[in-house]
Amino acid sequence: MSAGAGAEKVKSQKIIQVLSSVAFISLFVVSALDHRFAWSRVPAAGAAGGDLLIVLGFAFVFRVFRVNSFTSRIIEVTADQKVVSTGPYGLVRHPMYLGALILLIGIPMALGSWWGEVAIVPMILVLAWRLVDEERFLVRKLPGYDEYRHKVRYRLAPFVW
């Protein structure tokens, strides 16, 4: 799979990818600095909970790939692409991002850092921007997507957004 700012075709998505990369790296940097300087202490059970969230996040993302063969790391629509509304796509419109978010929440915990969780905030903001921008693209380029948006109400988090 192609990924990252260089693989994106739309300028806004190139910017989003750069910001996403910076936010992702900051998650690890803040967590490492927290661990090194002992700014916070995550108990063993919290670290194990973080490990569990990482596994659940990956499992959710893998489920998305099984249900939707059109899943891609970049924003694109192929000639034969169809709207998928089954499995996790019946719950939220962007389940791969939900799985990634679950995984990202688990990373700082698994690394023993509560302060690393703060670094997730910029990632959530960039992710929200990406979702809104992606949906504009899909409404224009993917037949049936607008109807799907009305059928599946939530973008990322059930009962929230």
Protein backbone atom coordinates (compact mmCIF):
# COMPACT_ATOMS: atom_id res chain seq x y z
CA MET A 1 0.00 0.00 0.00
CA SER A 2 1.12 3.51 -0.75
CA ALA A 3 0.92 5.85 2.20
CA GLY A 4 2.00 9.22 3.49
CA ALA A 5 2.07 12.73 2.11
CA GLY A 6 3.92 11.75 -1.06
CA ALA A 7 1.29 9.17 -2.00
CA GLU A 8 -1.69 11.51 -1.61
CA LYS A 9 -3.03 13.23 -4.71
CA VAL A 10 -5.04 15.99 -3.01
CA LYS A 11 -3.12 18.94 -1.49
CA SER A 12 -5.21 19.09 1.69
CA GLN A 13 -4.54 15.39 2.30
CA LYS A 14 -0.79 15.92 1.78
CA ILE A 15 -0.88 18.57 4.55
CA ILE A 16 -3.00 16.33 6.77
CA GLN A 17 -0.54 13.45 6.29
CA VAL A 18 2.43 15.62 7.30
CA LEU A 19 0.61 16.83 10.42
CA SER A 20 -0.49 13.29 11.20
CA SER A 21 3.10 12.06 10.99
CA VAL A 22 4.30 14.78 13.35
CA ALA A 23 1.49 13.99 15.81
CA PHE A 24 2.24 10.26 15.61
CA ILE A 25 5.94 10.77 16.30
CA SER A 26 5.15 13.14 19.18
CA LEU A 27 3.12 10.38 20.80
CA PHE A 28 6.27 8.29 21.12
CA VAL A 29 8.58 11.20 22.00
CA VAL A 30 6.33 12.45 24.81
CA SER A 31 5.86 8.89 26.10
CA ALA A 32 9.63 8.25 26.04
CA LEU A 33 10.42 11.53 27.80
CA ASP A 34 7.73 10.80 30.39
CA HIS A 35 9.23 7.38 31.03
CA ARG A 36 12.80 8.73 31.15
CA PHE A 37 12.03 11.56 33.56
CA ALA A 38 9.28 9.72 35.48
CA TRP A 39 6.68 12.44 35.05
CA SER A 40 3.91 9.89 35.57
CA ARG A 41 3.58 6.28 36.64
CA VAL A 42 1.32 3.82 34.89
CA PRO A 43 0.70 0.72 37.02
CA ALA A 44 1.34 -2.70 35.51
CA ALA A 45 -2.40 -3.24 35.08
CA GLY A 46 -2.60 0.06 33.13
CA ALA A 47 0.27 -1.00 30.87
CA ALA A 48 -1.44 -4.36 30.30
CA GLY A 49 -4.64 -2.45 29.49
CA GLY A 50 -2.66 -0.46 26.94
CA ASP A 51 -1.38 -3.69 25.40
CA LEU A 52 -4.96 -4.95 25.19
CA LEU A 53 -6.10 -1.74 23.47
CA ILE A 54 -3.31 -2.12 20.91
CA VAL A 55 -4.37 -5.69 20.14
CA LEU A 56 -8.05 -4.69 19.93
CA GLY A 57 -7.21 -1.75 17.67
CA PHE A 58 -5.20 -3.95 15.30
CA ALA A 59 -7.95 -6.60 15.32
CA PHE A 60 -10.53 -3.96 14.42
CA VAL A 61 -8.36 -2.62 11.58
CA PHE A 62 -7.78 -6.14 10.26
CA ARG A 63 -11.56 -6.72 10.34
CA VAL A 64 -12.01 -3.60 8.23
CA PHE A 65 -9.55 -4.93 5.64
CA ARG A 66 -11.45 -8.23 5.49
CA VAL A 67 -14.81 -6.52 4.93
CA ASN A 68 -13.66 -3.83 2.50
CA SER A 69 -11.18 -4.78 -0.21
CA PHE A 70 -11.15 -1.12 -1.35
CA THR A 71 -9.59 0.05 1.93
CA SER A 72 -6.62 2.28 1.26
CA ARG A 73 -4.13 4.44 3.18
CA ILE A 74 -4.70 7.28 0.73
CA ILE A 75 -7.88 9.01 -0.35
CA GLU A 76 -8.85 7.52 -3.70
CA VAL A 77 -11.74 5.88 -5.54
CA THR A 78 -11.16 3.07 -8.05
CA ALA A 79 -13.30 2.50 -11.15
CA ASP A 80 -15.05 -0.60 -9.75
CA GLN A 81 -15.34 0.63 -6.15
CA LYS A 82 -18.64 0.28 -4.32
CA VAL A 83 -19.86 1.58 -0.96
CA VAL A 84 -19.42 -1.04 1.78
CA SER A 85 -22.04 -0.83 4.53
CA THR A 86 -21.68 -4.21 6.26
CA GLY A 87 -19.65 -5.30 9.28
CA PRO A 88 -17.92 -2.40 11.03
CA TYR A 89 -19.12 -0.07 8.24
CA GLY A 90 -22.65 -0.54 9.58
CA LEU A 91 -21.50 0.94 12.90
CA VAL A 92 -19.41 3.93 11.76
CA ARG A 93 -18.42 5.33 8.36
CA HIS A 94 -14.69 5.25 9.06
CA PRO A 95 -14.03 2.11 11.12
CA MET A 96 -10.35 1.86 10.15
CA TYR A 97 -9.77 5.21 11.87
CA LEU A 98 -11.72 4.02 14.92
CA GLY A 99 -9.44 0.98 15.16
CA ALA A 100 -6.38 3.18 14.74
CA LEU A 101 -7.63 5.52 17.46
CA ILE A 102 -8.13 2.61 19.88
CA LEU A 103 -4.59 1.44 19.09
CA LEU A 104 -3.16 4.96 19.54
CA ILE A 105 -4.82 5.36 22.93
CA GLY A 106 -3.19 2.13 24.05
CA ILE A 107 0.36 3.02 22.98
CA PRO A 108 1.24 5.55 25.72
CA MET A 109 -0.33 3.34 28.37
CA ALA A 110 1.66 0.33 27.16
CA LEU A 111 4.79 2.50 27.26
CA GLY A 112 4.03 3.52 30.85
CA SER A 113 3.09 7.13 30.14
CA TRP A 114 -0.03 9.03 31.10
CA TRP A 115 1.41 12.22 29.55
CA GLY A 116 1.66 10.45 26.22
CA GLU A 117 -2.13 10.41 26.16
CA VAL A 118 -2.04 14.21 25.84
CA ALA A 119 -0.16 13.81 22.57
CA ILE A 120 -3.21 12.02 21.16
CA VAL A 121 -5.22 15.26 21.16
CA PRO A 122 -3.47 16.72 18.07
CA MET A 123 -3.83 13.33 16.37
CA ILE A 124 -7.59 13.36 17.00
CA LEU A 125 -7.86 16.88 15.57
CA VAL A 126 -5.92 15.93 12.43
CA LEU A 127 -7.96 12.75 12.11
CA ALA A 128 -11.21 14.74 12.33
CA TRP A 129 -9.96 17.08 9.59
CA ARG A 130 -9.03 14.09 7.43
CA LEU A 131 -12.45 12.49 7.88
CA VAL A 132 -14.35 15.64 6.96
CA ASP A 133 -12.12 16.23 3.93
CA GLU A 134 -12.35 12.57 2.89
CA GLU A 135 -16.14 12.60 3.12
CA ARG A 136 -16.35 15.64 0.83
CA PHE A 137 -14.23 13.72 -1.68
CA LEU A 138 -16.29 10.53 -1.39
CA VAL A 139 -19.61 12.34 -1.82
CA ARG A 140 -18.28 13.76 -5.12
CA LYS A 141 -16.48 10.68 -6.42
CA LEU A 142 -18.15 7.53 -5.02
CA PRO A 143 -21.69 6.76 -6.22
CA GLY A 144 -23.97 5.87 -3.31
CA TYR A 145 -21.78 7.42 -0.62
CA ASP A 146 -24.18 10.28 0.11
CA GLU A 147 -27.01 7.79 0.74
CA TYR A 148 -24.67 5.76 2.95
CA ARG A 149 -23.88 8.89 5.02
CA HIS A 150 -27.57 9.24 5.77
CA LYS A 151 -27.93 5.56 6.63
CA VAL A 152 -24.88 5.32 8.93
CA ARG A 153 -25.03 8.39 11.13
CA TYR A 154 -21.70 8.32 12.94
CA ARG A 155 -18.35 9.03 11.34
CA LEU A 156 -15.92 7.74 13.96
CA ALA A 157 -17.42 7.08 17.37
CA PRO A 158 -20.86 5.51 17.82
CA PHE A 159 -23.31 7.83 19.60
CA VAL A 160 -20.67 10.62 19.67
CA TRP A 161 -19.55 11.73 16.18
